[in-house]
């Protein structure tokens, strides 16, 4: 990479993953690395960097889960309360 960036990938990559629409608009699919990339400068200059990063991470997760036909009920859980461990 020629710039600092956040990235997200799915392995094995499900069909359709690379052509999914992800957020924010500054994110793109990098063909050489087979992953989505969000340049750090986009986050650094955003009005709400935390929201931008979360949108990137969630939209790329959605792209992998939907195109990969994941059993999301078995995989997903609630986030819990920050600073408090979740009960097992």
C-alpha atoms as a PDB file:
ATOM      1  CA  UNK A   1       0.000   0.000   0.000  1.00  0.00           C
ATOM      2  CA  UNK A   2       1.185   3.473  -0.779  1.00  0.00           C
ATOM      3  CA  UNK A   3      -0.811   5.032   2.065  1.00  0.00           C
ATOM      4  CA  UNK A   4      -1.849   4.093   5.588  1.00  0.00           C
ATOM      5  CA  UNK A   5      -5.252   2.431   5.529  1.00  0.00           C
ATOM      6  CA  UNK A   6      -7.769   0.241   7.267  1.00  0.00           C
ATOM      7  CA  UNK A   7      -8.635  -2.985   5.480  1.00  0.00           C
ATOM      8  CA  UNK A   8     -11.187  -5.749   5.529  1.00  0.00           C
ATOM      9  CA  UNK A   9     -11.220  -9.092   3.754  1.00  0.00           C
ATOM     10  CA  UNK A  10     -13.015 -12.417   3.707  1.00  0.00           C
ATOM     11  CA  UNK A  11     -11.206 -15.713   3.276  1.00  0.00           C
ATOM     12  CA  UNK A  12     -12.106 -17.706   1.417  1.00  0.00           C
ATOM     13  CA  UNK A  13     -13.581 -14.833  -0.546  1.00  0.00           C
ATOM     14  CA  UNK A  14     -17.214 -15.556  -1.416  1.00  0.00           C
ATOM     15  CA  UNK A  15     -18.445 -14.906  -4.968  1.00  0.00           C
ATOM     16  CA  UNK A  16     -19.761 -11.365  -5.252  1.00  0.00           C
ATOM     17  CA  UNK A  17     -17.756  -9.997  -2.324  1.00  0.00           C
ATOM     18  CA  UNK A  18     -15.455  -7.877  -4.467  1.00  0.00           C
ATOM     19  CA  UNK A  19     -18.360  -6.148  -6.222  1.00  0.00           C
ATOM     20  CA  UNK A  20     -20.396  -5.383  -3.087  1.00  0.00           C
ATOM     21  CA  UNK A  21     -21.264  -1.784  -2.304  1.00  0.00           C
ATOM     22  CA  UNK A  22     -19.592  -0.815   0.969  1.00  0.00           C
ATOM     23  CA  UNK A  23     -19.453   2.372   3.025  1.00  0.00           C
ATOM     24  CA  UNK A  24     -18.142   5.018   3.168  1.00  0.00           C
ATOM     25  CA  UNK A  25     -17.754   6.144  -0.441  1.00  0.00           C
ATOM     26  CA  UNK A  26     -13.985   6.530   0.058  1.00  0.00           C
ATOM     27  CA  UNK A  27     -13.635   2.758   0.539  1.00  0.00           C
ATOM     28  CA  UNK A  28     -12.663   0.639  -2.437  1.00  0.00           C
ATOM     29  CA  UNK A  29     -11.821  -2.928  -3.366  1.00  0.00           C
ATOM     30  CA  UNK A  30      -8.082  -3.439  -3.949  1.00  0.00           C
ATOM     31  CA  UNK A  31      -7.725  -6.096  -6.658  1.00  0.00           C
ATOM     32  CA  UNK A  32      -4.085  -6.908  -5.891  1.00  0.00           C
ATOM     33  CA  UNK A  33      -4.699  -7.565  -2.185  1.00  0.00           C
ATOM     34  CA  UNK A  34      -8.259  -8.920  -2.597  1.00  0.00           C
ATOM     35  CA  UNK A  35      -9.574  -6.745   0.200  1.00  0.00           C
ATOM     36  CA  UNK A  36     -11.501  -3.555   0.846  1.00  0.00           C
ATOM     37  CA  UNK A  37      -9.415  -0.551   1.778  1.00  0.00           C
ATOM     38  CA  UNK A  38     -10.344   2.672   3.533  1.00  0.00           C
ATOM     39  CA  UNK A  39      -7.554   5.281   3.424  1.00  0.00           C
ATOM     40  CA  UNK A  40      -6.516   6.588   6.829  1.00  0.00           C
ATOM     41  CA  UNK A  41      -6.804  10.178   5.569  1.00  0.00           C
ATOM     42  CA  UNK A  42     -10.523   9.653   5.003  1.00  0.00           C
ATOM     43  CA  UNK A  43     -10.896   8.722   8.673  1.00  0.00           C
ATOM     44  CA  UNK A  44      -8.491  11.407   9.886  1.00  0.00           C
ATOM     45  CA  UNK A  45     -10.420  14.189   8.166  1.00  0.00           C
ATOM     46  CA  UNK A  46     -13.953  12.891   8.821  1.00  0.00           C
ATOM     47  CA  UNK A  47     -16.435  14.811  10.965  1.00  0.00           C
ATOM     48  CA  UNK A  48     -17.214  11.584  12.818  1.00  0.00           C
ATOM     49  CA  UNK A  49     -14.238   9.223  12.386  1.00  0.00           C
ATOM     50  CA  UNK A  50     -15.585   6.528  14.725  1.00  0.00           C
ATOM     51  CA  UNK A  51     -18.848   6.310  12.806  1.00  0.00           C
ATOM     52  CA  UNK A  52     -17.024   6.251   9.468  1.00  0.00           C
ATOM     53  CA  UNK A  53     -14.780   3.399  10.571  1.00  0.00           C
ATOM     54  CA  UNK A  54     -17.696   1.442  12.052  1.00  0.00           C
ATOM     55  CA  UNK A  55     -19.673   1.894   8.806  1.00  0.00           C
ATOM     56  CA  UNK A  56     -16.704   0.526   6.872  1.00  0.00           C
ATOM     57  CA  UNK A  57     -16.278  -2.469   9.155  1.00  0.00           C
ATOM     58  CA  UNK A  58     -19.981  -3.286   9.330  1.00  0.00           C
ATOM     59  CA  UNK A  59     -20.603  -2.886   5.592  1.00  0.00           C
ATOM     60  CA  UNK A  60     -17.668  -5.120   4.668  1.00  0.00           C
ATOM     61  CA  UNK A  61     -18.827  -7.680   7.247  1.00  0.00           C
ATOM     62  CA  UNK A  62     -22.311  -7.538   5.693  1.00  0.00           C
ATOM     63  CA  UNK A  63     -20.826  -8.032   2.233  1.00  0.00           C
ATOM     64  CA  UNK A  64     -18.952 -11.147   3.392  1.00  0.00           C
ATOM     65  CA  UNK A  65     -21.870 -12.552   5.404  1.00  0.00           C
ATOM     66  CA  UNK A  66     -24.487 -12.051   2.696  1.00  0.00           C
ATOM     67  CA  UNK A  67     -22.355 -13.253  -0.219  1.00  0.00           C
ATOM     68  CA  UNK A  68     -20.958 -16.131   1.824  1.00  0.00           C
ATOM     69  CA  UNK A  69     -24.392 -17.251   3.068  1.00  0.00           C
ATOM     70  CA  UNK A  70     -23.071 -17.318   6.638  1.00  0.00           C
ATOM     71  CA  UNK A  71     -25.220 -18.654   9.460  1.00  0.00           C
ATOM     72  CA  UNK A  72     -25.356 -15.269  11.104  1.00  0.00           C
ATOM     73  CA  UNK A  73     -27.605 -16.351  13.961  1.00  0.00           C
ATOM     74  CA  UNK A  74     -24.905 -18.770  15.075  1.00  0.00           C
ATOM     75  CA  UNK A  75     -22.092 -16.223  14.596  1.00  0.00           C
ATOM     76  CA  UNK A  76     -23.483 -12.958  15.880  1.00  0.00           C
ATOM     77  CA  UNK A  77     -24.014 -11.806  19.431  1.00  0.00           C
ATOM     78  CA  UNK A  78     -24.775  -8.539  21.174  1.00  0.00           C
ATOM     79  CA  UNK A  79     -21.969  -6.083  21.784  1.00  0.00           C
ATOM     80  CA  UNK A  80     -22.570  -5.807  25.505  1.00  0.00           C
ATOM     81  CA  UNK A  81     -21.770  -2.839  27.705  1.00  0.00           C
ATOM     82  CA  UNK A  82     -18.422  -1.086  27.308  1.00  0.00           C
ATOM     83  CA  UNK A  83     -16.176  -1.670  30.296  1.00  0.00           C
ATOM     84  CA  UNK A  84     -18.162  -4.654  31.600  1.00  0.00           C
ATOM     85  CA  UNK A  85     -17.293  -8.261  30.734  1.00  0.00           C
ATOM     86  CA  UNK A  86     -20.083 -10.271  29.157  1.00  0.00           C
ATOM     87  CA  UNK A  87     -21.408 -13.284  31.031  1.00  0.00           C
ATOM     88  CA  UNK A  88     -20.559 -16.534  29.286  1.00  0.00           C
END
